[in-house]
């Protein structure tokens, strides 16, 4: 399974690219949304916190991880909450001070958690998207395309490449060194 670093960095990079090349307006899409995407990208792994509690009752990691939180229902619930808030025009004054919108926050949480599911299904292992209603699983296991000797190195290498990309992006596109 991809590491939390992979999930966070892919969400951050994609949101940065979306913000820079699609939205092109800092007030419409403040950087806080990028942080929200990073949090959304690790929502499905909240089942690991559940494992720490349930392990005392005899549950194994495999019985907990990639079950309820790794279904399509988590992004769908977050999306529906965002739609509900948008339809009801629910606002939060503290969010508004930072040019944030509560419905957009839930849309980004939904996108981040969906991205997590996609990465898990594509890179390593399988997900059961409709659990507990169906045990249909999907997974491409792209790691298996690499030689067996490399399997333990692919995900850490991916993390390193993503981190370097993000650092270079921060320096050359956002001129981060100007802040120091």
Protein backbone atom coordinates (compact mmCIF):
# COMPACT_ATOMS: atom_id res chain seq x y z
CA UNK A 1 0.00 0.00 0.00
CA UNK A 2 1.25 3.52 -0.70
CA UNK A 3 2.56 5.42 2.30
CA UNK A 4 0.74 8.38 3.85
CA UNK A 5 3.47 10.57 2.35
CA UNK A 6 2.47 9.46 -1.14
CA UNK A 7 -1.19 10.21 -0.54
CA UNK A 8 -0.44 13.63 0.93
CA UNK A 9 2.11 14.69 -1.68
CA UNK A 10 0.00 13.59 -4.66
CA UNK A 11 -2.97 15.55 -3.27
CA UNK A 12 -0.82 18.61 -2.56
CA UNK A 13 0.85 18.54 -5.98
CA UNK A 14 -2.41 18.04 -7.87
CA UNK A 15 -4.10 20.85 -5.92
CA UNK A 16 -1.13 23.15 -6.54
CA UNK A 17 -1.31 22.41 -10.26
CA UNK A 18 -5.09 22.84 -10.28
CA UNK A 19 -4.77 26.14 -8.44
CA UNK A 20 -2.00 27.43 -10.67
CA UNK A 21 -3.18 26.30 -14.12
CA UNK A 22 -6.98 26.03 -13.84
CA UNK A 23 -8.25 28.48 -11.19
CA UNK A 24 -5.46 31.07 -11.50
CA UNK A 25 -6.95 33.19 -8.69
CA UNK A 26 -5.48 33.11 -5.19
CA UNK A 27 -8.61 34.57 -3.59
CA UNK A 28 -10.91 31.99 -5.17
CA UNK A 29 -8.61 29.12 -4.24
CA UNK A 30 -6.43 30.02 -1.23
CA UNK A 31 -3.57 27.77 -0.16
CA UNK A 32 -5.64 26.54 2.79
CA UNK A 33 -7.48 24.33 0.30
CA UNK A 34 -4.20 22.58 -0.45
CA UNK A 35 -3.84 21.72 3.23
CA UNK A 36 -7.45 20.52 3.24
CA UNK A 37 -6.69 18.26 0.26
CA UNK A 38 -3.74 16.77 2.16
CA UNK A 39 -6.01 15.98 5.12
CA UNK A 40 -8.66 14.57 2.78
CA UNK A 41 -6.07 12.32 1.20
CA UNK A 42 -5.48 10.48 4.47
CA UNK A 43 -9.10 10.20 5.64
CA UNK A 44 -9.39 6.58 4.41
CA UNK A 45 -6.45 5.62 6.62
CA UNK A 46 -8.37 6.62 9.74
CA UNK A 47 -9.14 2.92 9.95
CA UNK A 48 -5.56 2.50 11.17
CA UNK A 49 -6.47 4.50 14.27
CA UNK A 50 -9.43 2.16 14.67
CA UNK A 51 -7.08 -0.79 14.44
CA UNK A 52 -5.05 0.47 17.40
CA UNK A 53 -8.18 0.30 19.54
CA UNK A 54 -9.68 -2.88 18.05
CA UNK A 55 -6.40 -4.79 18.26
CA UNK A 56 -6.99 -5.07 22.01
CA UNK A 57 -10.12 -7.06 21.16
CA UNK A 58 -8.29 -9.52 18.91
CA UNK A 59 -8.78 -7.89 15.51
CA UNK A 60 -5.90 -8.10 13.06
CA UNK A 61 -4.69 -5.25 10.87
CA UNK A 62 -5.99 -7.05 7.77
CA UNK A 63 -9.48 -7.29 9.28
CA UNK A 64 -9.65 -3.52 9.80
CA UNK A 65 -7.55 -1.78 7.15
CA UNK A 66 -9.02 -1.25 3.69
CA UNK A 67 -12.53 -2.12 4.80
CA UNK A 68 -15.12 0.53 5.73
CA UNK A 69 -12.97 3.62 5.20
CA UNK A 70 -11.56 2.38 1.90
CA UNK A 71 -14.93 2.31 0.16
CA UNK A 72 -16.49 4.66 -2.33
CA UNK A 73 -18.98 5.58 0.38
CA UNK A 74 -16.56 7.87 2.25
CA UNK A 75 -15.96 10.23 -0.72
CA UNK A 76 -19.66 9.98 -1.58
CA UNK A 77 -20.74 10.97 1.95
CA UNK A 78 -18.30 13.90 1.94
CA UNK A 79 -19.57 14.99 -1.48
CA UNK A 80 -23.19 14.80 -0.33
CA UNK A 81 -22.39 16.86 2.78
CA UNK A 82 -20.78 19.48 0.53
CA UNK A 83 -23.80 19.51 -1.80
CA UNK A 84 -26.15 19.82 1.17
CA UNK A 85 -24.14 22.74 2.58
CA UNK A 86 -24.07 24.39 -0.83
CA UNK A 87 -27.83 23.99 -1.35
CA UNK A 88 -28.61 25.24 2.16
CA UNK A 89 -26.08 28.06 1.80
CA UNK A 90 -24.38 27.05 5.06
CA UNK A 91 -21.47 29.34 5.82
CA UNK A 92 -18.90 29.73 8.53
CA UNK A 93 -17.65 33.20 9.44
CA UNK A 94 -14.15 31.98 10.38
CA UNK A 95 -13.81 30.22 7.04
CA UNK A 96 -15.02 33.32 5.20
CA UNK A 97 -12.28 35.43 6.78
CA UNK A 98 -9.76 33.26 4.96
CA UNK A 99 -11.72 33.23 1.67
CA UNK A 100 -12.75 29.62 2.29
CA UNK A 101 -16.17 28.10 1.65
CA UNK A 102 -17.47 25.24 3.76
CA UNK A 103 -19.04 23.32 0.84
CA UNK A 104 -15.80 23.59 -1.15
CA UNK A 105 -13.95 22.20 1.85
CA UNK A 106 -16.11 19.07 1.78
CA UNK A 107 -15.77 18.78 -2.00
CA UNK A 108 -11.98 18.83 -1.55
CA UNK A 109 -12.17 16.28 1.31
CA UNK A 110 -14.18 14.05 -1.06
CA UNK A 111 -11.66 14.51 -3.87
CA UNK A 112 -8.72 13.80 -1.54
CA UNK A 113 -10.28 10.63 -0.16
CA UNK A 114 -11.20 9.45 -3.68
CA UNK A 115 -7.62 10.11 -4.77
CA UNK A 116 -6.47 7.95 -1.87
CA UNK A 117 -8.64 5.07 -3.07
CA UNK A 118 -7.36 5.44 -6.62
CA UNK A 119 -3.73 5.41 -5.50
CA UNK A 120 -4.29 2.34 -3.33
CA UNK A 121 -6.04 0.48 -6.15
CA UNK A 122 -3.53 1.45 -8.81
CA UNK A 123 -0.19 1.18 -7.02
CA UNK A 124 -0.38 -1.70 -4.56
CA UNK A 125 -2.98 -4.13 -3.33
CA UNK A 126 -6.70 -3.99 -3.83
CA UNK A 127 -9.65 -2.07 -2.49
CA UNK A 128 -13.19 -3.33 -1.99
CA UNK A 129 -15.10 -0.20 -3.10
CA UNK A 130 -18.59 -1.37 -2.09
CA UNK A 131 -17.76 -3.14 1.18
CA UNK A 132 -19.78 -4.45 3.11
CA UNK A 133 -22.47 -4.73 0.42
CA UNK A 134 -20.19 -6.42 -2.09
CA UNK A 135 -16.80 -8.10 -1.89
CA UNK A 136 -15.90 -7.08 -5.43
CA UNK A 137 -12.31 -5.90 -5.34
CA UNK A 138 -10.21 -3.90 -7.73
CA UNK A 139 -6.48 -3.39 -7.91
CA UNK A 140 -3.90 -3.03 -10.65
CA UNK A 141 -0.79 -3.57 -8.50
CA UNK A 142 1.53 -1.57 -10.72
CA UNK A 143 4.33 -2.40 -8.30
CA UNK A 144 4.22 -5.93 -9.70
CA UNK A 145 5.46 -4.56 -13.02
CA UNK A 146 8.84 -3.98 -11.38
CA UNK A 147 11.32 -6.78 -10.69
CA UNK A 148 10.63 -8.59 -7.41
CA UNK A 149 13.88 -7.30 -5.90
CA UNK A 150 12.63 -3.72 -6.32
CA UNK A 151 9.19 -4.14 -4.71
CA UNK A 152 10.27 -2.87 -1.29
CA UNK A 153 11.99 0.15 -2.87
CA UNK A 154 9.34 1.40 -5.31
CA UNK A 155 7.08 3.21 -2.83
CA UNK A 156 9.87 4.92 -0.86
CA UNK A 157 11.42 5.97 -4.18
CA UNK A 158 8.08 7.35 -5.34
CA UNK A 159 7.85 9.34 -2.09
CA UNK A 160 11.32 10.75 -2.68
CA UNK A 161 10.56 11.74 -6.27
CA UNK A 162 7.27 13.40 -5.26
CA UNK A 163 8.94 15.26 -2.40
CA UNK A 164 11.72 16.53 -4.66
CA UNK A 165 9.17 17.63 -7.28
CA UNK A 166 7.22 19.51 -4.62
CA UNK A 167 10.35 21.16 -3.18
CA UNK A 168 11.48 22.29 -6.63
CA UNK A 169 7.95 23.53 -7.35
CA UNK A 170 7.98 25.52 -4.13
CA UNK A 171 11.35 27.04 -4.95
CA UNK A 172 11.12 27.77 -8.66
CA UNK A 173 7.41 28.44 -9.11
CA UNK A 174 6.46 29.91 -5.74
CA UNK A 175 9.87 31.43 -4.93
CA UNK A 176 9.73 30.06 -1.38
CA UNK A 177 13.29 31.17 -0.63
CA UNK A 178 12.06 34.79 -0.84
CA UNK A 179 10.35 34.19 2.53
CA UNK A 180 13.62 33.39 4.29
